[in-house]
């Protein structure tokens, strides 16, 4: 059985071949207990592509649109351990991934029976004299990292007297 870290022809390397590319300003690297299980979540359920991988080290670099993320299996290759790594590894972090449409990841997660941390919702936030809307949901990856998938609903004028949220939650 081949490793799920294997790249296939659908997962070309546009990031490496595009001379106009600039590196993302921030790329989180998540310590994971099982890179294969994490790939099932991030790639198969959420739709990320494996940009490159080092299977012997349990490492994968993933992208979805302009979102970039690295997975690094604890105990294989180098492990950046500053304190004991005990589950749930995702304590205190919420990763937001913006996508044009939530339908495909919602369908894949639902079909797989993956639990939602927060069910899909529509939320509007005060932004000056307008409100900005998002369609969003939250799930946890196999190691407990909280992932907020969201898609913009655009902006609209604030209705007179309407009370809105001040900050995204």
Protein backbone atom coordinates (compact mmCIF):
# COMPACT_ATOMS: atom_id res chain seq x y z
CA UNK A 1 0.00 0.00 0.00
CA UNK A 2 1.45 3.38 -0.97
CA UNK A 3 1.79 6.15 1.58
CA UNK A 4 -0.89 8.80 1.39
CA UNK A 5 1.98 11.31 1.36
CA UNK A 6 2.60 10.30 -2.28
CA UNK A 7 2.16 13.15 -4.77
CA UNK A 8 0.20 12.38 -7.90
CA UNK A 9 -0.21 14.25 -11.18
CA UNK A 10 -3.19 16.19 -9.82
CA UNK A 11 -0.95 17.74 -7.20
CA UNK A 12 1.48 19.68 -9.37
CA UNK A 13 3.92 22.07 -7.78
CA UNK A 14 2.78 25.51 -9.00
CA UNK A 15 4.30 27.15 -5.94
CA UNK A 16 7.80 26.03 -6.94
CA UNK A 17 7.40 26.70 -10.67
CA UNK A 18 5.83 30.16 -10.51
CA UNK A 19 8.54 32.82 -10.79
CA UNK A 20 6.09 35.47 -9.52
CA UNK A 21 5.40 33.59 -6.28
CA UNK A 22 6.22 35.17 -2.95
CA UNK A 23 6.47 33.14 0.22
CA UNK A 24 3.49 33.28 2.58
CA UNK A 25 4.12 35.58 5.53
CA UNK A 26 3.09 32.90 8.05
CA UNK A 27 2.96 29.12 7.67
CA UNK A 28 1.94 27.19 10.80
CA UNK A 29 3.67 23.85 11.39
CA UNK A 30 1.46 21.52 13.43
CA UNK A 31 3.00 18.75 15.52
CA UNK A 32 0.81 15.70 14.87
CA UNK A 33 0.69 12.20 16.34
CA UNK A 34 -0.05 10.46 13.02
CA UNK A 35 0.70 12.25 9.75
CA UNK A 36 -1.36 9.75 7.71
CA UNK A 37 -4.46 10.36 9.87
CA UNK A 38 -3.90 14.11 9.68
CA UNK A 39 -3.66 13.93 5.88
CA UNK A 40 -7.01 12.17 5.69
CA UNK A 41 -8.51 15.12 7.55
CA UNK A 42 -6.67 18.02 5.90
CA UNK A 43 -6.45 16.66 2.34
CA UNK A 44 -9.41 14.32 1.93
CA UNK A 45 -11.98 16.13 4.09
CA UNK A 46 -10.98 19.81 3.83
CA UNK A 47 -9.51 19.72 0.31
CA UNK A 48 -5.86 20.71 0.87
CA UNK A 49 -3.23 19.55 -1.66
CA UNK A 50 0.13 18.06 -0.70
CA UNK A 51 2.65 20.51 -2.16
CA UNK A 52 5.62 18.44 -1.03
CA UNK A 53 6.36 15.74 1.52
CA UNK A 54 9.08 13.80 3.28
CA UNK A 55 7.26 10.53 4.13
CA UNK A 56 10.17 9.00 6.08
CA UNK A 57 10.03 12.00 8.42
CA UNK A 58 6.22 12.16 8.62
CA UNK A 59 6.26 15.64 7.09
CA UNK A 60 3.91 17.25 4.58
CA UNK A 61 3.50 20.80 3.27
CA UNK A 62 -0.13 21.50 2.33
CA UNK A 63 -1.95 24.27 0.49
CA UNK A 64 -5.54 25.26 -0.15
CA UNK A 65 -5.77 28.41 -2.23
CA UNK A 66 -3.47 30.86 -0.45
CA UNK A 67 -3.58 28.97 2.87
CA UNK A 68 -0.37 27.08 3.67
CA UNK A 69 0.18 24.57 6.47
CA UNK A 70 2.87 22.08 7.49
CA UNK A 71 2.30 18.78 9.31
CA UNK A 72 5.17 17.20 11.25
CA UNK A 73 4.77 13.83 12.98
CA UNK A 74 6.09 13.79 16.53
CA UNK A 75 9.07 11.47 16.94
CA UNK A 76 9.97 11.25 13.24
CA UNK A 77 12.66 13.53 11.85
CA UNK A 78 13.01 16.69 13.91
CA UNK A 79 10.44 17.45 16.57
CA UNK A 80 10.27 21.02 17.84
CA UNK A 81 9.27 20.16 21.40
CA UNK A 82 9.45 23.04 23.90
CA UNK A 83 7.18 21.31 26.44
CA UNK A 84 5.61 17.85 26.74
CA UNK A 85 3.35 17.18 23.75
CA UNK A 86 0.22 15.64 25.21
CA UNK A 87 -3.19 15.47 23.53
CA UNK A 88 -5.12 17.63 22.83
CA UNK A 89 -2.31 19.31 20.93
CA UNK A 90 -4.50 22.12 19.63
CA UNK A 91 -5.10 23.88 22.94
CA UNK A 92 -5.40 27.62 22.58
CA UNK A 93 -5.29 27.91 18.80
CA UNK A 94 -7.99 28.42 16.19
CA UNK A 95 -6.82 28.23 12.56
CA UNK A 96 -9.07 30.10 10.12
CA UNK A 97 -9.04 28.95 6.50
CA UNK A 98 -10.84 31.15 3.98
CA UNK A 99 -12.29 29.42 0.92
CA UNK A 100 -14.56 30.66 -1.88
CA UNK A 101 -17.23 28.03 -1.13
CA UNK A 102 -17.90 25.77 1.86
CA UNK A 103 -20.10 23.24 0.05
CA UNK A 104 -17.39 20.71 -0.90
CA UNK A 105 -15.70 20.47 2.53
CA UNK A 106 -19.12 20.38 4.24
CA UNK A 107 -20.23 17.50 2.01
CA UNK A 108 -17.00 15.53 2.57
CA UNK A 109 -17.05 16.03 6.35
CA UNK A 110 -20.73 15.12 6.60
CA UNK A 111 -20.31 12.02 4.40
CA UNK A 112 -17.41 10.83 6.56
CA UNK A 113 -19.34 11.37 9.80
CA UNK A 114 -16.72 13.84 11.06
CA UNK A 115 -18.10 15.75 14.09
CA UNK A 116 -18.55 19.50 13.96
CA UNK A 117 -17.22 21.55 16.88
CA UNK A 118 -19.57 24.34 15.73
CA UNK A 119 -22.28 23.68 13.16
CA UNK A 120 -22.35 25.78 9.99
CA UNK A 121 -23.67 29.29 10.61
CA UNK A 122 -24.00 32.68 8.99
CA UNK A 123 -22.47 35.51 11.02
CA UNK A 124 -22.33 39.27 10.41
CA UNK A 125 -19.85 41.67 12.05
CA UNK A 126 -19.79 45.46 12.37
CA UNK A 127 -17.13 46.99 10.09
CA UNK A 128 -17.48 50.78 10.16
CA UNK A 129 -20.71 51.80 8.41
CA UNK A 130 -21.08 48.30 6.95
CA UNK A 131 -21.33 44.76 8.16
CA UNK A 132 -19.17 41.91 6.85
CA UNK A 133 -20.68 38.45 6.63
CA UNK A 134 -19.23 34.96 6.72
CA UNK A 135 -20.57 31.44 6.36
CA UNK A 136 -18.48 29.34 8.74
CA UNK A 137 -18.10 26.15 10.74
CA UNK A 138 -15.51 24.69 13.10
CA UNK A 139 -14.07 21.18 13.29
CA UNK A 140 -11.15 19.65 15.16
CA UNK A 141 -8.41 17.74 13.37
CA UNK A 142 -7.29 14.34 14.75
CA UNK A 143 -4.95 16.03 17.25
CA UNK A 144 -7.46 18.58 18.51
CA UNK A 145 -6.41 21.61 16.46
CA UNK A 146 -9.49 23.76 15.97
CA UNK A 147 -10.11 24.68 12.32
CA UNK A 148 -12.56 27.39 11.28
CA UNK A 149 -13.50 27.08 7.61
CA UNK A 150 -15.14 30.27 6.38
CA UNK A 151 -16.41 31.82 3.19
CA UNK A 152 -17.17 35.51 2.77
CA UNK A 153 -20.77 36.59 2.27
CA UNK A 154 -19.59 40.09 1.35
CA UNK A 155 -20.53 43.41 2.89
CA UNK A 156 -23.78 45.29 3.25
CA UNK A 157 -24.89 48.58 4.78
CA UNK A 158 -25.73 48.58 8.47
CA UNK A 159 -29.45 48.98 9.08
CA UNK A 160 -30.29 52.00 11.27
CA UNK A 161 -30.49 51.02 14.95
CA UNK A 162 -29.15 47.53 14.27
CA UNK A 163 -26.86 46.07 16.96
CA UNK A 164 -23.95 44.12 15.54
CA UNK A 165 -20.97 42.19 16.88
CA UNK A 166 -17.91 44.41 17.31
CA UNK A 167 -15.24 41.77 16.67
CA UNK A 168 -15.16 38.39 14.94
CA UNK A 169 -15.45 35.43 17.28
